[in-house]
Amino acid sequence: MIVENSLAKHIVDDVLNATSTGSYYDGRIIVSDIAEAYVIGSKETGDVAL
């Protein structure tokens, strides 16, 4: 899932609240920056490519 930085914390909190059973095996959420994005066909870059 790719979201704007301003939404990331809210979405992570919602996913944790909705899915956590307290088990180690619930899985992981990894938050990472996207350095660049490109649409090959239109050659758009940046936010519009997301």
C-alpha atoms as a PDB file:
ATOM      1  CA  MET A   1       0.000   0.000   0.000  1.00  0.00           C
ATOM      2  CA  ILE A   2       1.364   3.431  -0.892  1.00  0.00           C
ATOM      3  CA  VAL A   3      -0.046   6.461   0.925  1.00  0.00           C
ATOM      4  CA  GLU A   4       0.928  10.065   1.556  1.00  0.00           C
ATOM      5  CA  ASN A   5       3.151  10.644   4.584  1.00  0.00           C
ATOM      6  CA  SER A   6       0.408  12.614   6.309  1.00  0.00           C
ATOM      7  CA  LEU A   7      -1.883   9.546   6.241  1.00  0.00           C
ATOM      8  CA  ALA A   8       0.631   6.834   7.138  1.00  0.00           C
ATOM      9  CA  LYS A   9       0.349   6.932  10.949  1.00  0.00           C
ATOM     10  CA  HIS A  10      -3.451   6.975  10.842  1.00  0.00           C
ATOM     11  CA  ILE A  11      -3.585   4.024   8.450  1.00  0.00           C
ATOM     12  CA  VAL A  12      -1.042   2.013  10.438  1.00  0.00           C
ATOM     13  CA  ASP A  13      -3.035   2.611  13.626  1.00  0.00           C
ATOM     14  CA  ASP A  14      -6.271   1.540  11.905  1.00  0.00           C
ATOM     15  CA  VAL A  15      -4.705  -1.648  10.523  1.00  0.00           C
ATOM     16  CA  LEU A  16      -3.167  -2.527  13.898  1.00  0.00           C
ATOM     17  CA  ASN A  17      -6.450  -1.955  15.717  1.00  0.00           C
ATOM     18  CA  ALA A  18      -8.426  -3.995  13.185  1.00  0.00           C
ATOM     19  CA  THR A  19      -6.077  -6.950  12.783  1.00  0.00           C
ATOM     20  CA  SER A  20      -3.938  -7.449  15.881  1.00  0.00           C
ATOM     21  CA  THR A  21      -4.623 -10.560  17.936  1.00  0.00           C
ATOM     22  CA  GLY A  22      -1.556 -10.054  20.102  1.00  0.00           C
ATOM     23  CA  SER A  23       0.221 -12.977  18.486  1.00  0.00           C
ATOM     24  CA  TYR A  24       3.790 -12.807  17.209  1.00  0.00           C
ATOM     25  CA  TYR A  25       2.445 -14.344  14.001  1.00  0.00           C
ATOM     26  CA  ASP A  26       0.063 -11.454  13.230  1.00  0.00           C
ATOM     27  CA  GLY A  27       2.626 -10.218  10.726  1.00  0.00           C
ATOM     28  CA  ARG A  28       4.451  -6.971  10.175  1.00  0.00           C
ATOM     29  CA  ILE A  29       3.847  -3.500   8.820  1.00  0.00           C
ATOM     30  CA  ILE A  30       6.896  -1.867   7.316  1.00  0.00           C
ATOM     31  CA  VAL A  31       6.851   1.852   6.555  1.00  0.00           C
ATOM     32  CA  SER A  32       9.349   3.073   3.989  1.00  0.00           C
ATOM     33  CA  ASP A  33       9.938   6.121   1.816  1.00  0.00           C
ATOM     34  CA  ILE A  34       9.438   5.858  -1.937  1.00  0.00           C
ATOM     35  CA  ALA A  35      12.420   7.515  -3.632  1.00  0.00           C
ATOM     36  CA  GLU A  36      10.940   7.732  -7.121  1.00  0.00           C
ATOM     37  CA  ALA A  37       7.983   6.473  -9.130  1.00  0.00           C
ATOM     38  CA  TYR A  38       7.440   6.338 -12.889  1.00  0.00           C
ATOM     39  CA  VAL A  39       4.560   5.475 -15.197  1.00  0.00           C
ATOM     40  CA  ILE A  40       6.234   3.819 -18.169  1.00  0.00           C
ATOM     41  CA  GLY A  41       3.517   4.523 -20.753  1.00  0.00           C
ATOM     42  CA  SER A  42       2.979   8.218 -20.013  1.00  0.00           C
ATOM     43  CA  LYS A  43       6.445   8.882 -18.589  1.00  0.00           C
ATOM     44  CA  GLU A  44       4.852  10.689 -15.629  1.00  0.00           C
ATOM     45  CA  THR A  45       6.949  10.930 -12.492  1.00  0.00           C
ATOM     46  CA  GLY A  46       6.513  11.983  -8.906  1.00  0.00           C
ATOM     47  CA  ASP A  47       3.199  11.983  -7.042  1.00  0.00           C
ATOM     48  CA  VAL A  48       1.112  11.610 -10.207  1.00  0.00           C
ATOM     49  CA  ALA A  49       2.900   8.314 -10.890  1.00  0.00           C
ATOM     50  CA  LEU A  50       1.566   6.893  -7.654  1.00  0.00           C
END
